[in-house]
Amino acid sequence: MKWLLSLVAVNSLISVVIYPMITLGVDKPMNWLVEIGLLAFGVGALYLLIRYRKEF
C-alpha cells in the first residue's frame, strides 16, 4: 500500500508541473479540471502517507 501511495503521489505531483508544459508545447488549451484533479490526488496520497506512516 505504501508503494502504491508513493507512486500515485510522485506521479501526480510531477504531472502537475509537466502537464502545462506539454499543452503549451502543442498549442492546446490547458484543462484546469485535469490540473486540479492531479493536484488533489497527489496531495491526498501524500497526506495519507504522512497520516498513516506508522501503519504502512
C-alpha atoms as a PDB file:
ATOM      1  CA  MET A   1       0.000   0.000   0.000  1.00  0.00           C
ATOM      2  CA  LYS A   2       2.858   2.353   0.816  1.00  0.00           C
ATOM      3  CA  TRP A   3       4.409   1.654  -2.584  1.00  0.00           C
ATOM      4  CA  LEU A   4       1.132   2.437  -4.386  1.00  0.00           C
ATOM      5  CA  LEU A   5       0.530   5.669  -2.474  1.00  0.00           C
ATOM      6  CA  SER A   6       4.104   6.774  -3.108  1.00  0.00           C
ATOM      7  CA  LEU A   7       3.718   6.057  -6.806  1.00  0.00           C
ATOM      8  CA  VAL A   8       0.431   7.987  -7.027  1.00  0.00           C
ATOM      9  CA  ALA A   9       1.788  10.943  -5.048  1.00  0.00           C
ATOM     10  CA  VAL A  10       5.010  11.290  -7.026  1.00  0.00           C
ATOM     11  CA  ASN A  11       3.444  10.805 -10.462  1.00  0.00           C
ATOM     12  CA  SER A  12       0.545  13.159  -9.767  1.00  0.00           C
ATOM     13  CA  LEU A  13       2.713  15.948  -8.386  1.00  0.00           C
ATOM     14  CA  ILE A  14       5.204  15.654 -11.248  1.00  0.00           C
ATOM     15  CA  SER A  15       2.334  15.678 -13.758  1.00  0.00           C
ATOM     16  CA  VAL A  16       1.039  18.927 -12.251  1.00  0.00           C
ATOM     17  CA  VAL A  17       4.273  20.581 -13.382  1.00  0.00           C
ATOM     18  CA  ILE A  18       4.700  18.771 -16.719  1.00  0.00           C
ATOM     19  CA  TYR A  19       1.082  18.933 -17.993  1.00  0.00           C
ATOM     20  CA  PRO A  20       1.054  22.713 -18.646  1.00  0.00           C
ATOM     21  CA  MET A  21       4.372  22.473 -20.490  1.00  0.00           C
ATOM     22  CA  ILE A  22       3.042  19.731 -22.764  1.00  0.00           C
ATOM     23  CA  THR A  23      -0.210  21.557 -23.529  1.00  0.00           C
ATOM     24  CA  LEU A  24       1.597  24.823 -24.262  1.00  0.00           C
ATOM     25  CA  GLY A  25       4.092  22.965 -26.448  1.00  0.00           C
ATOM     26  CA  VAL A  26       1.361  21.583 -28.731  1.00  0.00           C
ATOM     27  CA  ASP A  27      -0.711  24.818 -28.704  1.00  0.00           C
ATOM     28  CA  LYS A  28      -3.721  23.289 -26.977  1.00  0.00           C
ATOM     29  CA  PRO A  29      -5.753  24.989 -24.251  1.00  0.00           C
ATOM     30  CA  MET A  30      -4.950  23.748 -20.776  1.00  0.00           C
ATOM     31  CA  ASN A  31      -7.743  21.887 -18.971  1.00  0.00           C
ATOM     32  CA  TRP A  32      -7.847  23.243 -15.433  1.00  0.00           C
ATOM     33  CA  LEU A  33     -10.022  20.379 -14.216  1.00  0.00           C
ATOM     34  CA  VAL A  34      -7.248  17.907 -15.054  1.00  0.00           C
ATOM     35  CA  GLU A  35      -4.704  20.131 -13.320  1.00  0.00           C
ATOM     36  CA  ILE A  36      -6.795  20.440 -10.143  1.00  0.00           C
ATOM     37  CA  GLY A  37      -7.564  16.697 -10.168  1.00  0.00           C
ATOM     38  CA  LEU A  38      -3.895  15.752 -10.425  1.00  0.00           C
ATOM     39  CA  LEU A  39      -3.021  18.151  -7.631  1.00  0.00           C
ATOM     40  CA  ALA A  40      -5.811  16.807  -5.416  1.00  0.00           C
ATOM     41  CA  PHE A  41      -4.761  13.181  -5.967  1.00  0.00           C
ATOM     42  CA  GLY A  42      -1.110  13.991  -5.301  1.00  0.00           C
ATOM     43  CA  VAL A  43      -1.758  15.958  -2.140  1.00  0.00           C
ATOM     44  CA  GLY A  44      -4.313  13.394  -0.949  1.00  0.00           C
ATOM     45  CA  ALA A  45      -1.910  10.498  -1.391  1.00  0.00           C
ATOM     46  CA  LEU A  46       0.862  12.454   0.310  1.00  0.00           C
ATOM     47  CA  TYR A  47      -1.494  13.246   3.198  1.00  0.00           C
ATOM     48  CA  LEU A  48      -2.376   9.550   3.598  1.00  0.00           C
ATOM     49  CA  LEU A  49       1.308   8.609   3.562  1.00  0.00           C
ATOM     50  CA  ILE A  50       2.075  11.103   6.316  1.00  0.00           C
ATOM     51  CA  ARG A  51      -1.073  10.448   8.362  1.00  0.00           C
ATOM     52  CA  TYR A  52      -0.714   6.665   8.447  1.00  0.00           C
ATOM     53  CA  ARG A  53       3.085   6.353   8.253  1.00  0.00           C
ATOM     54  CA  LYS A  54       3.225   4.068  11.319  1.00  0.00           C
ATOM     55  CA  GLU A  55       0.687   1.526   9.957  1.00  0.00           C
ATOM     56  CA  PHE A  56       2.164   1.081   6.465  1.00  0.00           C
END
